[in-house]
Amino acid sequence: MPESIFDFFESYIRTYDLFSDEEIATIKSLAIPKRLKKRQFLLRQGSICRYHTFVCSGCFRSYRIDGEGYEHIISLSPATVWLSDPVSLLSSSPSNEFIDALEDSTIIQLSIHSFKTLLEDIPNFNILVTKIIRDDYYISRDRIYMMLSLQAEERYREFIRNFPKLHQRIPIYMIASYLGVSRETLTRVRSNMLEP
C-alpha cells in the first residue's frame, strides 16, 4: 500500500496540533489503508458497520433506497471527511444504508476495537473525536434547515458553496437526490444560472 495514503492521513492529524510523534505513530499503527474502485461498496444495507472510515481521496455517498426503488442520498463524503453509519456502528445492528465510492478512492479505517483503544490510551484523541462529531452535527443541522427553508436554486448554490469542486465531478441525478429535488428541476436551475 503506497505510503502516500498514510502521509495524507498523518498530515490531516497534524493539522489539529494535538498529538506527539509517538501518538501519531500509535494511531497509524492501528490504521488500515484501503483502495476502493468507483462503484465499490464500503457498506451494504443489512450489513453491520464495523469501521470508522477517513476519506483520503475520492468521494463516497451514503444513501437509502425507499419502497419504490428511489435513492435518497443522506451524505456525500469527499477527502478529509470521516464516514460510517453511526447507528449501525454504535448499536452493532444491521445498517439501513448503502455507502459506495463515487470515484476511485483511498481510505483509512479504524476498527471499533482500535478506535476504543485510541480513546483510552491517547487523551487528545477524545478532543479530536469531539471536534469531528461537533462539526458533523453543525453540518447536519445546516442541511436540515436548507431542506426545509430554501428553494431549489438556493439549495444548489449552497451545495456549490459547501462542495466547490464536487458539483463538477458527480452526476446531476445524484446532486438532485442530495438536494431533495428532481433531476428535471435541477437541470432547469442549472440552465437558468448559466443564462446571461
N, C-alpha and C. Protein backbone atom coordinates (compact mmCIF):
# COMPACT_ATOMS: atom_id res chain seq x y z
N MET A 1 0.85 -1.18 0.00
CA MET A 1 0.00 0.00 0.00
C MET A 1 0.90 1.25 0.00
N PRO A 2 0.71 2.16 -0.94
CA PRO A 2 1.59 3.32 -1.02
C PRO A 2 1.60 4.14 0.26
N GLU A 3 2.77 4.62 0.59
CA GLU A 3 2.94 5.44 1.80
C GLU A 3 2.12 6.72 1.73
N SER A 4 1.77 7.17 0.51
CA SER A 4 1.06 8.44 0.37
C SER A 4 -0.28 8.46 1.09
N ILE A 5 -0.95 7.30 1.22
CA ILE A 5 -2.21 7.25 1.96
C ILE A 5 -1.95 7.59 3.42
N PHE A 6 -0.94 6.95 4.00
CA PHE A 6 -0.57 7.26 5.38
C PHE A 6 -0.09 8.70 5.51
N ASP A 7 0.66 9.17 4.52
CA ASP A 7 1.16 10.56 4.57
C ASP A 7 0.01 11.55 4.62
N PHE A 8 -1.01 11.32 3.77
CA PHE A 8 -2.16 12.21 3.75
C PHE A 8 -2.87 12.18 5.10
N PHE A 9 -3.07 10.98 5.65
CA PHE A 9 -3.73 10.82 6.94
C PHE A 9 -2.94 11.50 8.04
N GLU A 10 -1.62 11.32 8.03
CA GLU A 10 -0.79 11.96 9.04
C GLU A 10 -0.85 13.48 8.93
N SER A 11 -0.83 14.01 7.71
CA SER A 11 -0.94 15.47 7.52
C SER A 11 -2.25 15.99 8.10
N TYR A 12 -3.32 15.25 7.87
CA TYR A 12 -4.62 15.63 8.42
C TYR A 12 -4.58 15.66 9.95
N ILE A 13 -4.04 14.61 10.55
CA ILE A 13 -3.97 14.54 12.02
C ILE A 13 -3.14 15.69 12.58
N ARG A 14 -2.02 15.99 11.91
CA ARG A 14 -1.12 17.03 12.40
C ARG A 14 -1.74 18.43 12.34
N THR A 15 -2.75 18.63 11.47
CA THR A 15 -3.37 19.96 11.40
C THR A 15 -4.05 20.34 12.71
N TYR A 16 -4.38 19.36 13.53
CA TYR A 16 -5.04 19.65 14.81
C TYR A 16 -4.05 19.99 15.92
N ASP A 17 -2.78 19.70 15.69
CA ASP A 17 -1.73 20.02 16.66
C ASP A 17 -2.06 19.47 18.06
N LEU A 18 -2.50 18.22 18.10
CA LEU A 18 -2.91 17.59 19.35
C LEU A 18 -2.02 16.45 19.79
N PHE A 19 -1.21 15.92 18.86
CA PHE A 19 -0.55 14.64 19.12
C PHE A 19 0.97 14.73 19.00
N SER A 20 1.64 13.97 19.86
CA SER A 20 3.09 13.83 19.76
C SER A 20 3.41 12.90 18.60
N ASP A 21 4.67 12.87 18.21
CA ASP A 21 5.09 11.96 17.15
C ASP A 21 4.81 10.50 17.55
N GLU A 22 5.02 10.19 18.82
CA GLU A 22 4.77 8.83 19.30
C GLU A 22 3.28 8.49 19.21
N GLU A 23 2.42 9.44 19.57
CA GLU A 23 0.97 9.20 19.49
C GLU A 23 0.52 9.03 18.04
N ILE A 24 1.09 9.83 17.15
CA ILE A 24 0.76 9.70 15.73
C ILE A 24 1.19 8.32 15.22
N ALA A 25 2.35 7.88 15.66
CA ALA A 25 2.81 6.54 15.27
C ALA A 25 1.85 5.46 15.77
N THR A 26 1.33 5.64 16.97
CA THR A 26 0.36 4.68 17.52
C THR A 26 -0.92 4.67 16.70
N ILE A 27 -1.42 5.85 16.37
CA ILE A 27 -2.63 5.96 15.55
C ILE A 27 -2.42 5.27 14.21
N LYS A 28 -1.29 5.58 13.56
CA LYS A 28 -1.00 4.98 12.25
C LYS A 28 -0.84 3.47 12.34
N SER A 29 -0.32 2.97 13.47
CA SER A 29 -0.11 1.52 13.60
C SER A 29 -1.44 0.77 13.64
N LEU A 30 -2.50 1.44 14.04
CA LEU A 30 -3.82 0.80 14.11
C LEU A 30 -4.67 1.07 12.86
N ALA A 31 -4.20 1.97 12.02
CA ALA A 31 -4.96 2.36 10.83
C ALA A 31 -4.80 1.34 9.71
N ILE A 32 -5.89 1.11 9.00
CA ILE A 32 -5.89 0.15 7.89
C ILE A 32 -6.13 0.93 6.59
N PRO A 33 -5.12 0.99 5.70
CA PRO A 33 -5.31 1.70 4.43
C PRO A 33 -5.98 0.80 3.40
N LYS A 34 -6.83 1.39 2.58
CA LYS A 34 -7.52 0.61 1.54
C LYS A 34 -7.74 1.48 0.31
N ARG A 35 -7.86 0.80 -0.82
CA ARG A 35 -8.27 1.43 -2.08
C ARG A 35 -9.60 0.84 -2.49
N LEU A 36 -10.51 1.69 -2.94
CA LEU A 36 -11.78 1.21 -3.47
C LEU A 36 -11.95 1.75 -4.87
N LYS A 37 -12.48 0.92 -5.74
CA LYS A 37 -12.77 1.34 -7.11
C LYS A 37 -14.11 2.06 -7.14
N LYS A 38 -14.30 2.86 -8.17
CA LYS A 38 -15.59 3.51 -8.39
C LYS A 38 -16.69 2.46 -8.37
N ARG A 39 -17.78 2.76 -7.68
CA ARG A 39 -18.96 1.91 -7.52
C ARG A 39 -18.77 0.75 -6.53
N GLN A 40 -17.59 0.64 -5.94
CA GLN A 40 -17.39 -0.43 -4.95
C GLN A 40 -18.03 -0.03 -3.62
N PHE A 41 -18.67 -1.00 -2.97
CA PHE A 41 -19.37 -0.73 -1.72
C PHE A 41 -18.43 -0.77 -0.53
N LEU A 42 -18.60 0.21 0.34
CA LEU A 42 -17.95 0.21 1.64
C LEU A 42 -18.88 -0.44 2.66
N LEU A 43 -20.19 -0.27 2.45
CA LEU A 43 -21.20 -0.85 3.34
C LEU A 43 -22.47 -1.10 2.53
N ARG A 44 -23.12 -2.21 2.80
CA ARG A 44 -24.41 -2.53 2.16
C ARG A 44 -25.50 -2.59 3.21
N GLN A 45 -26.69 -2.23 2.78
CA GLN A 45 -27.85 -2.35 3.66
C GLN A 45 -27.93 -3.79 4.18
N GLY A 46 -28.18 -3.93 5.48
CA GLY A 46 -28.26 -5.26 6.09
C GLY A 46 -26.96 -5.73 6.72
N SER A 47 -25.83 -5.10 6.33
CA SER A 47 -24.54 -5.42 6.94
C SER A 47 -24.34 -4.55 8.19
N ILE A 48 -23.43 -4.97 9.04
CA ILE A 48 -23.12 -4.18 10.23
C ILE A 48 -21.88 -3.35 9.98
N CYS A 49 -21.96 -2.07 10.27
CA CYS A 49 -20.82 -1.16 10.11
C CYS A 49 -19.83 -1.42 11.25
N ARG A 50 -18.59 -1.74 10.90
CA ARG A 50 -17.61 -2.11 11.92
C ARG A 50 -16.37 -1.22 11.92
N TYR A 51 -16.39 -0.17 11.09
CA TYR A 51 -15.20 0.68 10.98
C TYR A 51 -15.56 2.16 10.97
N HIS A 52 -14.68 2.95 11.58
CA HIS A 52 -14.66 4.39 11.38
C HIS A 52 -13.76 4.61 10.17
N THR A 53 -14.25 5.33 9.18
CA THR A 53 -13.52 5.46 7.92
C THR A 53 -13.21 6.92 7.62
N PHE A 54 -11.96 7.17 7.27
CA PHE A 54 -11.49 8.51 6.89
C PHE A 54 -11.18 8.49 5.39
N VAL A 55 -11.73 9.44 4.66
CA VAL A 55 -11.53 9.50 3.21
C VAL A 55 -10.25 10.30 2.91
N CYS A 56 -9.29 9.65 2.27
CA CYS A 56 -8.05 10.33 1.88
C CYS A 56 -8.17 10.93 0.48
N SER A 57 -8.82 10.22 -0.43
CA SER A 57 -9.04 10.74 -1.78
C SER A 57 -10.31 10.13 -2.34
N GLY A 58 -10.88 10.80 -3.34
CA GLY A 58 -12.11 10.32 -3.93
C GLY A 58 -13.33 10.89 -3.23
N CYS A 59 -14.44 10.16 -3.33
CA CYS A 59 -15.69 10.62 -2.72
C CYS A 59 -16.63 9.43 -2.56
N PHE A 60 -17.42 9.47 -1.50
CA PHE A 60 -18.40 8.44 -1.20
C PHE A 60 -19.78 9.07 -1.03
N ARG A 61 -20.80 8.25 -1.24
CA ARG A 61 -22.16 8.67 -0.91
C ARG A 61 -22.77 7.66 0.04
N SER A 62 -23.54 8.15 0.99
CA SER A 62 -24.33 7.31 1.88
C SER A 62 -25.78 7.52 1.47
N TYR A 63 -26.51 6.43 1.26
CA TYR A 63 -27.88 6.59 0.78
C TYR A 63 -28.76 5.43 1.22
N ARG A 64 -30.06 5.68 1.13
CA ARG A 64 -31.07 4.66 1.37
C ARG A 64 -31.93 4.55 0.13
N ILE A 65 -32.57 3.41 -0.01
CA ILE A 65 -33.49 3.19 -1.12
C ILE A 65 -34.88 2.98 -0.54
N ASP A 66 -35.83 3.79 -1.01
CA ASP A 66 -37.19 3.69 -0.46
C ASP A 66 -37.95 2.51 -1.08
N GLY A 67 -39.19 2.32 -0.64
CA GLY A 67 -40.00 1.20 -1.08
C GLY A 67 -40.30 1.18 -2.56
N GLU A 68 -40.16 2.34 -3.21
CA GLU A 68 -40.42 2.41 -4.65
C GLU A 68 -39.14 2.35 -5.47
N GLY A 69 -38.02 2.12 -4.79
CA GLY A 69 -36.75 1.96 -5.50
C GLY A 69 -35.98 3.25 -5.75
N TYR A 70 -36.42 4.36 -5.15
CA TYR A 70 -35.71 5.63 -5.34
C TYR A 70 -34.59 5.78 -4.32
N GLU A 71 -33.44 6.26 -4.80
CA GLU A 71 -32.30 6.52 -3.91
C GLU A 71 -32.44 7.88 -3.27
N HIS A 72 -32.12 7.95 -1.99
CA HIS A 72 -32.12 9.21 -1.26
C HIS A 72 -30.74 9.36 -0.61
N ILE A 73 -29.94 10.28 -1.16
CA ILE A 73 -28.58 10.46 -0.66
C ILE A 73 -28.61 11.24 0.65
N ILE A 74 -28.06 10.63 1.68
CA ILE A 74 -28.02 11.23 3.00
C ILE A 74 -26.80 12.13 3.16
N SER A 75 -25.67 11.65 2.65
CA SER A 75 -24.46 12.46 2.77
C SER A 75 -23.49 12.15 1.64
N LEU A 76 -22.64 13.13 1.37
CA LEU A 76 -21.53 13.00 0.44
C LEU A 76 -20.25 13.21 1.23
N SER A 77 -19.26 12.37 0.99
CA SER A 77 -18.04 12.41 1.78
C SER A 77 -16.81 12.45 0.89
N PRO A 78 -16.34 13.67 0.56
CA PRO A 78 -15.09 13.79 -0.19
C PRO A 78 -13.89 13.68 0.77
N ALA A 79 -12.70 13.93 0.27
CA ALA A 79 -11.47 13.82 1.07
C ALA A 79 -11.56 14.67 2.33
N THR A 80 -10.95 14.17 3.38
CA THR A 80 -10.85 14.73 4.74
C THR A 80 -12.13 14.61 5.55
N VAL A 81 -13.05 13.78 5.09
CA VAL A 81 -14.29 13.56 5.84
C VAL A 81 -14.26 12.15 6.44
N TRP A 82 -14.76 12.04 7.68
CA TRP A 82 -14.96 10.74 8.32
C TRP A 82 -16.35 10.26 7.96
N LEU A 83 -16.51 8.96 7.70
CA LEU A 83 -17.84 8.45 7.41
C LEU A 83 -18.04 7.08 8.01
N SER A 84 -19.30 6.79 8.27
CA SER A 84 -19.74 5.49 8.77
C SER A 84 -21.26 5.55 8.79
N ASP A 85 -21.89 4.46 9.19
CA ASP A 85 -23.29 4.51 9.59
C ASP A 85 -23.24 4.50 11.11
N PRO A 86 -23.36 5.67 11.75
CA PRO A 86 -23.16 5.73 13.20
C PRO A 86 -24.16 4.89 13.99
N VAL A 87 -25.39 4.75 13.50
CA VAL A 87 -26.38 3.94 14.21
C VAL A 87 -25.94 2.48 14.23
N SER A 88 -25.58 1.96 13.07
CA SER A 88 -25.11 0.57 12.98
C SER A 88 -23.82 0.39 13.76
N LEU A 89 -22.91 1.33 13.64
CA LEU A 89 -21.60 1.25 14.30
C LEU A 89 -21.75 1.18 15.81
N LEU A 90 -22.61 2.04 16.37
CA LEU A 90 -22.73 2.12 17.82
C LEU A 90 -23.61 1.02 18.41
N SER A 91 -24.56 0.53 17.63
CA SER A 91 -25.50 -0.47 18.15
C SER A 91 -25.21 -1.89 17.68
N SER A 92 -24.26 -2.03 16.75
CA SER A 92 -23.96 -3.32 16.12
C SER A 92 -25.20 -3.94 15.47
N SER A 93 -26.08 -3.08 14.97
CA SER A 93 -27.29 -3.55 14.29
C SER A 93 -27.12 -3.42 12.79
N PRO A 94 -27.89 -4.19 12.01
CA PRO A 94 -27.77 -4.09 10.55
C PRO A 94 -28.06 -2.68 10.06
N SER A 95 -27.29 -2.24 9.11
CA SER A 95 -27.43 -0.89 8.57
C SER A 95 -28.64 -0.78 7.66
N ASN A 96 -29.24 0.40 7.64
CA ASN A 96 -30.30 0.72 6.68
C ASN A 96 -29.74 1.44 5.46
N GLU A 97 -28.43 1.64 5.44
CA GLU A 97 -27.80 2.46 4.41
C GLU A 97 -26.86 1.65 3.52
N PHE A 98 -26.62 2.22 2.36
CA PHE A 98 -25.54 1.80 1.48
C PHE A 98 -24.50 2.91 1.50
N ILE A 99 -23.23 2.54 1.44
CA ILE A 99 -22.16 3.52 1.24
C ILE A 99 -21.30 2.97 0.11
N ASP A 100 -21.16 3.77 -0.97
CA ASP A 100 -20.31 3.33 -2.08
C ASP A 100 -19.44 4.47 -2.59
N ALA A 101 -18.40 4.07 -3.31
CA ALA A 101 -17.44 5.03 -3.86
C ALA A 101 -17.97 5.61 -5.15
N LEU A 102 -17.97 6.93 -5.25
CA LEU A 102 -18.37 7.61 -6.48
C LEU A 102 -17.20 7.75 -7.45
N GLU A 103 -16.01 7.57 -6.93
CA GLU A 103 -14.77 7.66 -7.72
C GLU A 103 -13.81 6.62 -7.15
N ASP A 104 -12.76 6.31 -7.88
CA ASP A 104 -11.68 5.54 -7.28
C ASP A 104 -11.22 6.31 -6.05
N SER A 105 -11.11 5.64 -4.92
CA SER A 105 -10.89 6.33 -3.66
C SER A 105 -9.88 5.59 -2.79
N THR A 106 -9.27 6.33 -1.88
CA THR A 106 -8.41 5.74 -0.86
C THR A 106 -8.95 6.14 0.50
N ILE A 107 -8.85 5.21 1.44
CA ILE A 107 -9.38 5.45 2.78
C ILE A 107 -8.43 4.89 3.83
N ILE A 108 -8.64 5.37 5.05
CA ILE A 108 -8.03 4.79 6.24
C ILE A 108 -9.18 4.35 7.12
N GLN A 109 -9.09 3.12 7.66
CA GLN A 109 -10.12 2.63 8.55
C GLN A 109 -9.55 2.30 9.92
N LEU A 110 -10.36 2.55 10.94
CA LEU A 110 -10.06 2.15 12.30
C LEU A 110 -11.19 1.25 12.77
N SER A 111 -10.85 0.04 13.21
CA SER A 111 -11.87 -0.87 13.72
C SER A 111 -12.46 -0.29 15.00
N ILE A 112 -13.60 -0.81 15.39
CA ILE A 112 -14.23 -0.36 16.64
C ILE A 112 -13.27 -0.56 17.81
N HIS A 113 -12.60 -1.72 17.83
CA HIS A 113 -11.65 -2.01 18.92
C HIS A 113 -10.48 -1.03 18.90
N SER A 114 -9.91 -0.78 17.73
CA SER A 114 -8.77 0.15 17.63
C SER A 114 -9.19 1.56 18.03
N PHE A 115 -10.37 1.96 17.60
CA PHE A 115 -10.89 3.29 17.93
C PHE A 115 -11.02 3.43 19.45
N LYS A 116 -11.57 2.40 20.08
CA LYS A 116 -11.73 2.42 21.54
C LYS A 116 -10.36 2.47 22.23
N THR A 117 -9.41 1.73 21.71
CA THR A 117 -8.05 1.74 22.27
C THR A 117 -7.46 3.14 22.22
N LEU A 118 -7.63 3.82 21.09
CA LEU A 118 -7.10 5.18 20.96
C LEU A 118 -7.79 6.14 21.93
N LEU A 119 -9.09 5.99 22.10
CA LEU A 119 -9.81 6.84 23.06
C LEU A 119 -9.29 6.64 24.48
N GLU A 120 -8.95 5.39 24.81
CA GLU A 120 -8.49 5.08 26.16
C GLU A 120 -7.03 5.47 26.39
N ASP A 121 -6.21 5.30 25.36
CA ASP A 121 -4.76 5.47 25.54
C ASP A 121 -4.23 6.86 25.19
N ILE A 122 -4.97 7.61 24.38
CA ILE A 122 -4.50 8.93 23.95
C ILE A 122 -5.58 9.96 24.29
N PRO A 123 -5.44 10.68 25.40
CA PRO A 123 -6.48 11.62 25.82
C PRO A 123 -6.88 12.63 24.74
N ASN A 124 -5.93 13.12 23.97
CA ASN A 124 -6.27 14.11 22.95
C ASN A 124 -7.04 13.52 21.77
N PHE A 125 -7.05 12.21 21.66
CA PHE A 125 -7.87 11.60 20.61
C PHE A 125 -9.36 11.87 20.89
N ASN A 126 -9.71 11.94 22.17
CA ASN A 126 -11.08 12.31 22.55
C ASN A 126 -11.42 13.72 22.07
N ILE A 127 -10.45 14.63 22.15
CA ILE A 127 -10.68 16.00 21.70
C ILE A 127 -10.92 16.03 20.19
N LEU A 128 -10.11 15.26 19.46
CA LEU A 128 -10.29 15.17 18.01
C LEU A 128 -11.68 14.63 17.66
N VAL A 129 -12.08 13.55 18.31
CA VAL A 129 -13.37 12.93 18.04
C VAL A 129 -14.51 13.88 18.38
N THR A 130 -14.39 14.59 19.49
CA THR A 130 -15.42 15.56 19.87
C THR A 130 -15.55 16.65 18.82
N LYS A 131 -14.43 17.12 18.30
CA LYS A 131 -14.48 18.15 17.27
C LYS A 131 -15.13 17.61 15.99
N ILE A 132 -14.79 16.41 15.60
CA ILE A 132 -15.37 15.81 14.40
C ILE A 132 -16.89 15.66 14.56
N ILE A 133 -17.32 15.15 15.72
CA ILE A 133 -18.75 14.98 15.97
C ILE A 133 -19.47 16.33 15.97
N ARG A 134 -18.86 17.32 16.61
CA ARG A 134 -19.47 18.66 16.65
C ARG A 134 -19.61 19.25 15.26
N ASP A 135 -18.55 19.16 14.46
CA ASP A 135 -18.61 19.70 13.10
C ASP A 135 -19.67 18.98 12.26
N ASP A 136 -19.75 17.66 12.41
CA ASP A 136 -20.75 16.88 11.68
C ASP A 136 -22.16 17.28 12.11
N TYR A 137 -22.33 17.54 13.39
CA TYR A 137 -23.64 17.98 13.91
C TYR A 137 -24.04 19.31 13.28
N TYR A 138 -23.11 20.25 13.25
CA TYR A 138 -23.40 21.56 12.65
C TYR A 138 -23.78 21.42 11.17
N ILE A 139 -23.03 20.60 10.45
CA ILE A 139 -23.32 20.38 9.03
C ILE A 139 -24.70 19.77 8.85
N SER A 140 -25.04 18.79 9.69
CA SER A 140 -26.35 18.14 9.60
C SER A 140 -27.48 19.12 9.89
N ARG A 141 -27.30 19.96 10.89
CA ARG A 141 -28.34 20.95 11.22
C ARG A 141 -28.51 21.95 10.09
N ASP A 142 -27.41 22.41 9.52
CA ASP A 142 -27.49 23.35 8.40
C ASP A 142 -28.20 22.70 7.21
N ARG A 143 -27.92 21.43 6.98
CA ARG A 143 -28.56 20.74 5.85
C ARG A 143 -30.06 20.59 6.08
N ILE A 144 -30.47 20.26 7.29
CA ILE A 144 -31.90 20.16 7.60
C ILE A 144 -32.57 21.51 7.36
N TYR A 145 -31.95 22.58 7.83
CA TYR A 145 -32.53 23.91 7.63
C TYR A 145 -32.63 24.22 6.13
N MET A 146 -31.58 23.90 5.38
CA MET A 146 -31.58 24.14 3.93
C MET A 146 -32.75 23.41 3.28
N MET A 147 -32.95 22.15 3.65
CA MET A 147 -34.00 21.35 3.02
C MET A 147 -35.39 21.88 3.37
N LEU A 148 -35.53 22.46 4.55
CA LEU A 148 -36.84 22.96 5.00
C LEU A 148 -37.15 24.36 4.49
N SER A 149 -36.12 25.15 4.23
CA SER A 149 -36.39 26.57 4.01
C SER A 149 -35.99 27.13 2.66
N LEU A 150 -35.12 26.46 1.91
CA LEU A 150 -34.60 27.04 0.69
C LEU A 150 -35.25 26.44 -0.56
N GLN A 151 -35.37 27.27 -1.57
CA GLN A 151 -35.87 26.82 -2.86
C GLN A 151 -34.73 26.09 -3.59
N ALA A 152 -35.08 25.43 -4.70
CA ALA A 152 -34.12 24.58 -5.42
C ALA A 152 -32.85 25.32 -5.81
N GLU A 153 -32.97 26.54 -6.36
CA GLU A 153 -31.77 27.27 -6.78
C GLU A 153 -30.90 27.62 -5.60
N GLU A 154 -31.50 28.02 -4.48
CA GLU A 154 -30.73 28.36 -3.29
C GLU A 154 -30.03 27.12 -2.73
N ARG A 155 -30.70 25.98 -2.80
CA ARG A 155 -30.08 24.73 -2.34
C ARG A 155 -28.85 24.40 -3.19
N TYR A 156 -29.01 24.58 -4.49
CA TYR A 156 -27.89 24.27 -5.39
C TYR A 156 -26.73 25.23 -5.15
N ARG A 157 -27.03 26.49 -4.92
CA ARG A 157 -25.95 27.46 -4.62
C ARG A 157 -25.23 27.09 -3.32
N GLU A 158 -25.99 26.63 -2.34
CA GLU A 158 -25.38 26.18 -1.08
C GLU A 158 -24.51 24.95 -1.31
N PHE A 159 -25.00 24.05 -2.16
CA PHE A 159 -24.23 22.85 -2.49
C PHE A 159 -22.89 23.24 -3.11
N ILE A 160 -22.90 24.16 -4.05
CA ILE A 160 -21.66 24.61 -4.70
C ILE A 160 -20.74 25.28 -3.68
N ARG A 161 -21.33 26.04 -2.77
CA ARG A 161 -20.52 26.71 -1.74
C ARG A 161 -19.87 25.68 -0.81
N ASN A 162 -20.64 24.66 -0.44
CA ASN A 162 -20.14 23.66 0.50
C ASN A 162 -19.22 22.62 -0.16
N PHE A 163 -19.46 22.36 -1.45
CA PHE A 163 -18.66 21.37 -2.20
C PHE A 163 -18.17 22.03 -3.50
N PRO A 164 -17.25 22.97 -3.41
CA PRO A 164 -16.89 23.78 -4.59
C PRO A 164 -16.38 23.01 -5.80
N LYS A 165 -15.82 21.84 -5.62
CA LYS A 165 -15.31 21.07 -6.76
C LYS A 165 -16.20 19.88 -7.09
N LEU A 166 -17.00 19.46 -6.13
CA LEU A 166 -17.75 18.23 -6.28
C LEU A 166 -18.86 18.33 -7.32
N HIS A 167 -19.45 19.49 -7.49
CA HIS A 167 -20.58 19.61 -8.42
C HIS A 167 -20.18 19.33 -9.87
N GLN A 168 -18.87 19.37 -10.15
CA GLN A 168 -18.39 19.07 -11.50
C GLN A 168 -17.95 17.61 -11.64
N ARG A 169 -17.91 16.89 -10.52
CA ARG A 169 -17.36 15.53 -10.53
C ARG A 169 -18.42 14.44 -10.42
N ILE A 170 -19.61 14.76 -9.96
CA ILE A 170 -20.61 13.70 -9.78
C ILE A 170 -21.83 13.98 -10.65
N PRO A 171 -22.57 12.94 -11.01
CA PRO A 171 -23.71 13.10 -11.91
C PRO A 171 -24.81 13.99 -11.33
N ILE A 172 -25.51 14.66 -12.22
CA ILE A 172 -26.56 15.59 -11.81
C ILE A 172 -27.66 14.91 -11.02
N TYR A 173 -28.00 13.65 -11.37
CA TYR A 173 -29.10 12.98 -10.64
C TYR A 173 -28.72 12.73 -9.19
N MET A 174 -27.42 12.54 -8.90
CA MET A 174 -27.00 12.35 -7.51
C MET A 174 -27.07 13.66 -6.74
N ILE A 175 -26.68 14.75 -7.38
CA ILE A 175 -26.79 16.06 -6.73
C ILE A 175 -28.26 16.35 -6.44
N ALA A 176 -29.13 16.07 -7.41
CA ALA A 176 -30.57 16.29 -7.23
C ALA A 176 -31.08 15.47 -6.04
N SER A 177 -30.67 14.21 -5.94
CA SER A 177 -31.09 13.36 -4.82
C SER A 177 -30.62 13.95 -3.50
N TYR A 178 -29.37 14.39 -3.45
CA TYR A 178 -28.84 15.00 -2.23
C TYR A 178 -29.62 16.26 -1.84
N LEU A 179 -30.04 17.03 -2.85
CA LEU A 179 -30.76 18.28 -2.60
C LEU A 179 -32.26 18.08 -2.40
N GLY A 180 -32.76 16.87 -2.66
CA GLY A 180 -34.17 16.61 -2.48
C GLY A 180 -35.05 17.24 -3.55
N VAL A 181 -34.50 17.33 -4.77
CA VAL A 181 -35.27 17.85 -5.91
C VAL A 181 -35.18 16.85 -7.05
N SER A 182 -36.05 17.01 -8.05
CA SER A 182 -35.99 16.11 -9.20
C SER A 182 -34.83 16.51 -10.10
N ARG A 183 -34.40 15.56 -10.91
CA ARG A 183 -33.34 15.83 -11.88
C ARG A 183 -33.77 16.93 -12.83
N GLU A 184 -35.03 16.91 -13.25
CA GLU A 184 -35.55 17.92 -14.18
C GLU A 184 -35.49 19.32 -13.57
N THR A 185 -35.85 19.41 -12.29
CA THR A 185 -35.80 20.70 -11.60
C THR A 185 -34.37 21.22 -11.54
N LEU A 186 -33.44 20.34 -11.17
CA LEU A 186 -32.05 20.78 -11.06
C LEU A 186 -31.48 21.15 -12.43
N THR A 187 -31.85 20.41 -13.47
CA THR A 187 -31.41 20.75 -14.83
C THR A 187 -31.88 22.16 -15.20
N ARG A 188 -33.14 22.46 -14.88
CA ARG A 188 -33.69 23.78 -15.17
C ARG A 188 -32.97 24.87 -14.36
N VAL A 189 -32.71 24.60 -13.09
CA VAL A 189 -32.00 25.56 -12.23
C VAL A 189 -30.62 25.84 -12.80
N ARG A 190 -29.88 24.79 -13.15
CA ARG A 190 -28.54 24.98 -13.70
C ARG A 190 -28.58 25.77 -15.01
N SER A 191 -29.56 25.46 -15.85
CA SER A 191 -29.71 26.17 -17.12
C SER A 191 -29.97 27.65 -16.88
N ASN A 192 -30.86 27.97 -15.93
CA ASN A 192 -31.17 29.37 -15.62
C ASN A 192 -29.96 30.11 -15.07
N MET A 193 -29.13 29.40 -14.30
CA MET A 193 -27.94 30.02 -13.72
C MET A 193 -26.90 30.34 -14.78
N LEU A 194 -26.92 29.58 -15.89
CA LEU A 194 -25.94 29.79 -16.96
C LEU A 194 -26.37 30.89 -17.93
N GLU A 195 -27.66 31.23 -17.92
CA GLU A 195 -28.15 32.26 -18.84
C GLU A 195 -27.61 33.63 -18.42
N PRO A 196 -27.29 34.50 -19.42
CA PRO A 196 -26.74 35.82 -19.09
C PRO A 196 -27.78 36.72 -18.45
